Amino acid sequence: MSKNKGSGTHTRSAVSGQYVSNSYGNRHPSTTVREAAGPSGSSGPHYRSAKSGQYVSNSFGKSHPNTTVKEK
């Protein structure tokens, strides 16, 4: 699938961790996460829920690998 270059956001599958097309993300909102483009300034890896878009705890992210995305 594509990396959606130039759109300002990227869509990533929570199941595979790979970038997917925007249309795939629109069809599968509960298992995809939209990410803002740009450099990451965070302090280590974090997990984000594909369902809510909210950051979740490391233990929750590890126990729900198909509905969370690990962000570096």
PDB file of N, CA and C in Angstrom:
ATOM      1  N   MET A   1       0.826  -1.176   0.000  1.00  0.00           N
ATOM      2  CA  MET A   1       0.000   0.000   0.000  1.00  0.00           C
ATOM      3  C   MET A   1       0.876   1.246   0.000  1.00  0.00           C
ATOM      4  N   SER A   2       0.249   2.393  -0.021  1.00  0.00           N
ATOM      5  CA  SER A   2       1.009   3.629  -0.148  1.00  0.00           C
ATOM      6  C   SER A   2       1.276   4.275   1.197  1.00  0.00           C
ATOM      7  N   LYS A   3       2.210   5.209   1.195  1.00  0.00           N
ATOM      8  CA  LYS A   3       2.565   5.943   2.401  1.00  0.00           C
ATOM      9  C   LYS A   3       1.857   7.293   2.441  1.00  0.00           C
ATOM     10  N   ASN A   4       1.000   7.588   1.449  1.00  0.00           N
ATOM     11  CA  ASN A   4       0.215   8.825   1.424  1.00  0.00           C
ATOM     12  C   ASN A   4       1.100  10.055   1.449  1.00  0.00           C
ATOM     13  N   LYS A   5       2.103  10.098   0.612  1.00  0.00           N
ATOM     14  CA  LYS A   5       3.043  11.210   0.603  1.00  0.00           C
ATOM     15  C   LYS A   5       2.347  12.510   0.236  1.00  0.00           C
ATOM     16  N   GLY A   6       2.699  13.566   0.949  1.00  0.00           N
ATOM     17  CA  GLY A   6       2.201  14.887   0.640  1.00  0.00           C
ATOM     18  C   GLY A   6       0.854  15.222   1.232  1.00  0.00           C
ATOM     19  N   SER A   7       0.216  14.312   1.928  1.00  0.00           N
ATOM     20  CA  SER A   7      -1.121  14.576   2.440  1.00  0.00           C
ATOM     21  C   SER A   7      -1.111  15.202   3.830  1.00  0.00           C
ATOM     22  N   GLY A   8       0.026  15.185   4.516  1.00  0.00           N
ATOM     23  CA  GLY A   8       0.088  15.745   5.857  1.00  0.00           C
ATOM     24  C   GLY A   8      -0.208  14.732   6.938  1.00  0.00           C
ATOM     25  N   THR A   9      -0.915  13.670   6.590  1.00  0.00           N
ATOM     26  CA  THR A   9      -1.167  12.594   7.542  1.00  0.00           C
ATOM     27  C   THR A   9      -0.861  11.260   6.880  1.00  0.00           C
ATOM     28  N   HIS A  10      -0.623  10.272   7.709  1.00  0.00           N
ATOM     29  CA  HIS A  10      -0.386   8.915   7.239  1.00  0.00           C
ATOM     30  C   HIS A  10      -1.338   8.005   7.986  1.00  0.00           C
ATOM     31  N   THR A  11      -1.761   6.954   7.338  1.00  0.00           N
ATOM     32  CA  THR A  11      -2.655   5.987   7.958  1.00  0.00           C
ATOM     33  C   THR A  11      -1.896   4.685   8.137  1.00  0.00           C
ATOM     34  N   ARG A  12      -1.951   4.139   9.352  1.00  0.00           N
ATOM     35  CA  ARG A  12      -1.207   2.926   9.673  1.00  0.00           C
ATOM     36  C   ARG A  12      -2.170   1.870  10.222  1.00  0.00           C
ATOM     37  N   SER A  13      -1.978   0.631   9.795  1.00  0.00           N
ATOM     38  CA  SER A  13      -2.772  -0.484  10.291  1.00  0.00           C
ATOM     39  C   SER A  13      -2.298  -0.874  11.685  1.00  0.00           C
ATOM     40  N   ALA A  14      -3.240  -1.053  12.609  1.00  0.00           N
ATOM     41  CA  ALA A  14      -2.882  -1.509  13.953  1.00  0.00           C
ATOM     42  C   ALA A  14      -2.549  -2.990  13.947  1.00  0.00           C
ATOM     43  N   VAL A  15      -3.042  -3.732  12.975  1.00  0.00           N
ATOM     44  CA  VAL A  15      -2.800  -5.171  12.904  1.00  0.00           C
ATOM     45  C   VAL A  15      -1.395  -5.455  12.401  1.00  0.00           C
ATOM     46  N   SER A  16      -1.019  -4.838  11.260  1.00  0.00           N
ATOM     47  CA  SER A  16       0.284  -5.132  10.648  1.00  0.00           C
ATOM     48  C   SER A  16       1.351  -4.109  10.996  1.00  0.00           C
ATOM     49  N   GLY A  17       0.946  -2.902  11.387  1.00  0.00           N
ATOM     50  CA  GLY A  17       1.907  -1.839  11.651  1.00  0.00           C
ATOM     51  C   GLY A  17       2.383  -1.140  10.396  1.00  0.00           C
ATOM     52  N   GLN A  18       1.882  -1.557   9.242  1.00  0.00           N
ATOM     53  CA  GLN A  18       2.311  -0.969   7.980  1.00  0.00           C
ATOM     54  C   GLN A  18       1.412   0.195   7.595  1.00  0.00           C
ATOM     55  N   TYR A  19       1.976   1.096   6.771  1.00  0.00           N
ATOM     56  CA  TYR A  19       1.186   2.190   6.236  1.00  0.00           C
ATOM     57  C   TYR A  19       0.179   1.635   5.242  1.00  0.00           C
ATOM     58  N   VAL A  20      -1.029   2.176   5.259  1.00  0.00           N
ATOM     59  CA  VAL A  20      -2.092   1.763   4.353  1.00  0.00           C
ATOM     60  C   VAL A  20      -2.676   3.005   3.692  1.00  0.00           C
ATOM     61  N   SER A  21      -3.474   2.805   2.660  1.00  0.00           N
ATOM     62  CA  SER A  21      -4.066   3.935   1.944  1.00  0.00           C
ATOM     63  C   SER A  21      -5.138   4.607   2.802  1.00  0.00           C
ATOM     64  N   ASN A  22      -5.446   5.858   2.479  1.00  0.00           N
ATOM     65  CA  ASN A  22      -6.500   6.564   3.195  1.00  0.00           C
ATOM     66  C   ASN A  22      -7.839   5.860   3.024  1.00  0.00           C
ATOM     67  N   SER A  23      -8.100   5.330   1.824  1.00  0.00           N
ATOM     68  CA  SER A  23      -9.377   4.649   1.601  1.00  0.00           C
ATOM     69  C   SER A  23      -9.485   3.389   2.464  1.00  0.00           C
ATOM     70  N   TYR A  24      -8.377   2.662   2.635  1.00  0.00           N
ATOM     71  CA  TYR A  24      -8.378   1.493   3.522  1.00  0.00           C
ATOM     72  C   TYR A  24      -8.678   1.946   4.953  1.00  0.00           C
ATOM     73  N   GLY A  25      -8.047   3.023   5.383  1.00  0.00           N
ATOM     74  CA  GLY A  25      -8.291   3.542   6.724  1.00  0.00           C
ATOM     75  C   GLY A  25      -9.729   3.958   6.937  1.00  0.00           C
ATOM     76  N   ASN A  26     -10.344   4.538   5.909  1.00  0.00           N
ATOM     77  CA  ASN A  26     -11.748   4.935   6.009  1.00  0.00           C
ATOM     78  C   ASN A  26     -12.669   3.725   6.115  1.00  0.00           C
ATOM     79  N   ARG A  27     -12.316   2.628   5.444  1.00  0.00           N
ATOM     80  CA  ARG A  27     -13.131   1.411   5.489  1.00  0.00           C
ATOM     81  C   ARG A  27     -12.912   0.602   6.765  1.00  0.00           C
ATOM     82  N   HIS A  28     -11.773   0.788   7.432  1.00  0.00           N
ATOM     83  CA  HIS A  28     -11.426   0.010   8.629  1.00  0.00           C
ATOM     84  C   HIS A  28     -11.023   0.942   9.779  1.00  0.00           C
ATOM     85  N   PRO A  29     -11.921   1.809  10.228  1.00  0.00           N
ATOM     86  CA  PRO A  29     -11.538   2.805  11.238  1.00  0.00           C
ATOM     87  C   PRO A  29     -11.179   2.230  12.603  1.00  0.00           C
ATOM     88  N   SER A  30     -11.682   1.047  12.935  1.00  0.00           N
ATOM     89  CA  SER A  30     -11.398   0.510  14.271  1.00  0.00           C
ATOM     90  C   SER A  30     -10.042  -0.169  14.362  1.00  0.00           C
ATOM     91  N   THR A  31      -9.378  -0.401  13.227  1.00  0.00           N
ATOM     92  CA  THR A  31      -8.061  -1.043  13.264  1.00  0.00           C
ATOM     93  C   THR A  31      -6.999  -0.229  12.547  1.00  0.00           C
ATOM     94  N   THR A  32      -7.253   1.068  12.342  1.00  0.00           N
ATOM     95  CA  THR A  32      -6.244   1.942  11.735  1.00  0.00           C
ATOM     96  C   THR A  32      -6.093   3.214  12.555  1.00  0.00           C
ATOM     97  N   VAL A  33      -4.923   3.822  12.439  1.00  0.00           N
ATOM     98  CA  VAL A  33      -4.619   5.052  13.163  1.00  0.00           C
ATOM     99  C   VAL A  33      -4.109   6.072  12.172  1.00  0.00           C
ATOM    100  N   ARG A  34      -4.607   7.308  12.274  1.00  0.00           N
ATOM    101  CA  ARG A  34      -4.095   8.397  11.450  1.00  0.00           C
ATOM    102  C   ARG A  34      -2.987   9.081  12.228  1.00  0.00           C
ATOM    103  N   GLU A  35      -1.852   9.274  11.573  1.00  0.00           N
ATOM    104  CA  GLU A  35      -0.691   9.892  12.216  1.00  0.00           C
ATOM    105  C   GLU A  35      -0.353  11.188  11.501  1.00  0.00           C
ATOM    106  N   ALA A  36       0.013  12.187  12.252  1.00  0.00           N
ATOM    107  CA  ALA A  36       0.466  13.441  11.667  1.00  0.00           C
ATOM    108  C   ALA A  36       1.866  13.255  11.111  1.00  0.00           C
ATOM    109  N   ALA A  37       2.128  13.886   9.986  1.00  0.00           N
ATOM    110  CA  ALA A  37       3.459  13.809   9.386  1.00  0.00           C
ATOM    111  C   ALA A  37       4.411  14.696  10.165  1.00  0.00           C
ATOM    112  N   GLY A  38       5.680  14.374  10.104  1.00  0.00           N
ATOM    113  CA  GLY A  38       6.680  15.210  10.752  1.00  0.00           C
ATOM    114  C   GLY A  38       7.546  14.425  11.697  1.00  0.00           C
ATOM    115  N   PRO A  39       8.591  15.063  12.193  1.00  0.00           N
ATOM    116  CA  PRO A  39       9.513  14.367  13.095  1.00  0.00           C
ATOM    117  C   PRO A  39       8.871  14.094  14.446  1.00  0.00           C
ATOM    118  N   SER A  40       9.274  13.002  15.029  1.00  0.00           N
ATOM    119  CA  SER A  40       8.762  12.629  16.341  1.00  0.00           C
ATOM    120  C   SER A  40       9.638  13.249  17.416  1.00  0.00           C
ATOM    121  N   GLY A  41       9.028  13.931  18.357  1.00  0.00           N
ATOM    122  CA  GLY A  41       9.788  14.548  19.433  1.00  0.00           C
ATOM    123  C   GLY A  41       9.477  13.925  20.776  1.00  0.00           C
ATOM    124  N   SER A  42       8.948  12.721  20.760  1.00  0.00           N
ATOM    125  CA  SER A  42       8.534  12.096  22.007  1.00  0.00           C
ATOM    126  C   SER A  42       9.712  11.479  22.744  1.00  0.00           C
ATOM    127  N   SER A  43       9.462  11.102  23.959  1.00  0.00           N
ATOM    128  CA  SER A  43      10.504  10.524  24.808  1.00  0.00           C
ATOM    129  C   SER A  43      10.345   9.017  24.902  1.00  0.00           C
ATOM    130  N   GLY A  44      10.498   8.337  23.812  1.00  0.00           N
ATOM    131  CA  GLY A  44      10.395   6.885  23.817  1.00  0.00           C
ATOM    132  C   GLY A  44       9.115   6.396  23.184  1.00  0.00           C
ATOM    133  N   PRO A  45       8.981   5.075  23.043  1.00  0.00           N
ATOM    134  CA  PRO A  45       7.803   4.511  22.382  1.00  0.00           C
ATOM    135  C   PRO A  45       6.541   4.634  23.229  1.00  0.00           C
ATOM    136  N   HIS A  46       5.420   4.830  22.545  1.00  0.00           N
ATOM    137  CA  HIS A  46       4.111   4.931  23.178  1.00  0.00           C
ATOM    138  C   HIS A  46       3.131   4.112  22.356  1.00  0.00           C
ATOM    139  N   TYR A  47       2.020   3.741  22.959  1.00  0.00           N
ATOM    140  CA  TYR A  47       0.967   3.016  22.264  1.00  0.00           C
ATOM    141  C   TYR A  47      -0.230   3.933  22.084  1.00  0.00           C
ATOM    142  N   ARG A  48      -0.887   3.800  20.915  1.00  0.00           N
ATOM    143  CA  ARG A  48      -2.095   4.563  20.621  1.00  0.00           C
ATOM    144  C   ARG A  48      -3.186   3.581  20.214  1.00  0.00           C
ATOM    145  N   SER A  49      -4.388   3.793  20.728  1.00  0.00           N
ATOM    146  CA  SER A  49      -5.524   2.946  20.401  1.00  0.00           C
ATOM    147  C   SER A  49      -6.042   3.285  19.010  1.00  0.00           C
ATOM    148  N   ALA A  50      -6.291   2.265  18.189  1.00  0.00           N
ATOM    149  CA  ALA A  50      -6.862   2.485  16.865  1.00  0.00           C
ATOM    150  C   ALA A  50      -8.339   2.851  16.966  1.00  0.00           C
ATOM    151  N   LYS A  51      -8.999   2.415  18.019  1.00  0.00           N
ATOM    152  CA  LYS A  51     -10.428   2.692  18.168  1.00  0.00           C
ATOM    153  C   LYS A  51     -10.696   4.115  18.625  1.00  0.00           C
ATOM    154  N   SER A  52      -9.956   4.592  19.624  1.00  0.00           N
ATOM    155  CA  SER A  52     -10.225   5.919  20.180  1.00  0.00           C
ATOM    156  C   SER A  52      -9.252   6.983  19.699  1.00  0.00           C
ATOM    157  N   GLY A  53      -8.066   6.567  19.244  1.00  0.00           N
ATOM    158  CA  GLY A  53      -7.046   7.528  18.851  1.00  0.00           C
ATOM    159  C   GLY A  53      -6.259   8.068  20.033  1.00  0.00           C
ATOM    160  N   GLN A  54      -6.598   7.630  21.228  1.00  0.00           N
ATOM    161  CA  GLN A  54      -5.960   8.113  22.447  1.00  0.00           C
ATOM    162  C   GLN A  54      -4.723   7.281  22.771  1.00  0.00           C
ATOM    163  N   TYR A  55      -3.780   7.905  23.463  1.00  0.00           N
ATOM    164  CA  TYR A  55      -2.631   7.154  23.959  1.00  0.00           C
ATOM    165  C   TYR A  55      -3.099   6.243  25.083  1.00  0.00           C
ATOM    166  N   VAL A  56      -2.528   5.038  25.126  1.00  0.00           N
ATOM    167  CA  VAL A  56      -2.883   4.060  26.155  1.00  0.00           C
ATOM    168  C   VAL A  56      -1.610   3.603  26.854  1.00  0.00           C
ATOM    169  N   SER A  57      -1.768   2.921  27.978  1.00  0.00           N
ATOM    170  CA  SER A  57      -0.603   2.463  28.741  1.00  0.00           C
ATOM    171  C   SER A  57       0.146   1.382  27.971  1.00  0.00           C
ATOM    172  N   ASN A  58       1.414   1.199  28.327  1.00  0.00           N
ATOM    173  CA  ASN A  58       2.218   0.163  27.687  1.00  0.00           C
ATOM    174  C   ASN A  58       1.611  -1.219  27.904  1.00  0.00           C
ATOM    175  N   SER A  59       1.107  -1.486  29.104  1.00  0.00           N
ATOM    176  CA  SER A  59       0.531  -2.806  29.376  1.00  0.00           C
ATOM    177  C   SER A  59      -0.728  -3.038  28.541  1.00  0.00           C
ATOM    178  N   PHE A  60      -1.546  -2.003  28.369  1.00  0.00           N
ATOM    179  CA  PHE A  60      -2.741  -2.137  27.535  1.00  0.00           C
ATOM    180  C   PHE A  60      -2.346  -2.364  26.082  1.00  0.00           C
ATOM    181  N   GLY A  61      -1.364  -1.610  25.595  1.00  0.00           N
ATOM    182  CA  GLY A  61      -0.908  -1.759  24.218  1.00  0.00           C
ATOM    183  C   GLY A  61      -0.357  -3.138  23.930  1.00  0.00           C
ATOM    184  N   LYS A  62       0.405  -3.674  24.874  1.00  0.00           N
ATOM    185  CA  LYS A  62       0.982  -5.010  24.689  1.00  0.00           C
ATOM    186  C   LYS A  62      -0.085  -6.100  24.728  1.00  0.00           C
ATOM    187  N   SER A  63      -1.137  -5.895  25.512  1.00  0.00           N
ATOM    188  CA  SER A  63      -2.176  -6.917  25.621  1.00  0.00           C
ATOM    189  C   SER A  63      -3.249  -6.797  24.539  1.00  0.00           C
ATOM    190  N   HIS A  64      -3.222  -5.727  23.736  1.00  0.00           N
ATOM    191  CA  HIS A  64      -4.184  -5.532  22.644  1.00  0.00           C
ATOM    192  C   HIS A  64      -3.439  -5.194  21.349  1.00  0.00           C
ATOM    193  N   PRO A  65      -2.626  -6.118  20.829  1.00  0.00           N
ATOM    194  CA  PRO A  65      -1.774  -5.797  19.677  1.00  0.00           C
ATOM    195  C   PRO A  65      -2.528  -5.537  18.376  1.00  0.00           C
ATOM    196  N   ASN A  66      -3.755  -6.044  18.227  1.00  0.00           N
ATOM    197  CA  ASN A  66      -4.491  -5.850  16.979  1.00  0.00           C
ATOM    198  C   ASN A  66      -5.271  -4.548  16.926  1.00  0.00           C
ATOM    199  N   THR A  67      -5.375  -3.846  18.051  1.00  0.00           N
ATOM    200  CA  THR A  67      -6.119  -2.584  18.045  1.00  0.00           C
ATOM    201  C   THR A  67      -5.292  -1.422  18.575  1.00  0.00           C
ATOM    202  N   THR A  68      -3.979  -1.610  18.702  1.00  0.00           N
ATOM    203  CA  THR A  68      -3.095  -0.524  19.116  1.00  0.00           C
ATOM    204  C   THR A  68      -1.889  -0.463  18.187  1.00  0.00           C
ATOM    205  N   VAL A  69      -1.296   0.725  18.112  1.00  0.00           N
ATOM    206  CA  VAL A  69      -0.102   0.937  17.298  1.00  0.00           C
ATOM    207  C   VAL A  69       0.995   1.450  18.204  1.00  0.00           C
ATOM    208  N   LYS A  70       2.182   0.865  18.095  1.00  0.00           N
ATOM    209  CA  LYS A  70       3.333   1.321  18.871  1.00  0.00           C
ATOM    210  C   LYS A  70       4.017   2.428  18.084  1.00  0.00           C
ATOM    211  N   GLU A  71       4.076   3.614  18.667  1.00  0.00           N
ATOM    212  CA  GLU A  71       4.717   4.764  18.031  1.00  0.00           C
ATOM    213  C   GLU A  71       6.069   4.981  18.668  1.00  0.00           C
ATOM    214  N   LYS A  72       7.053   5.246  17.845  1.00  0.00           N
ATOM    215  CA  LYS A  72       8.411   5.444  18.352  1.00  0.00           C
ATOM    216  C   LYS A  72       8.703   6.891  18.602  1.00  0.00           C
TER     217      LYS A  72
END
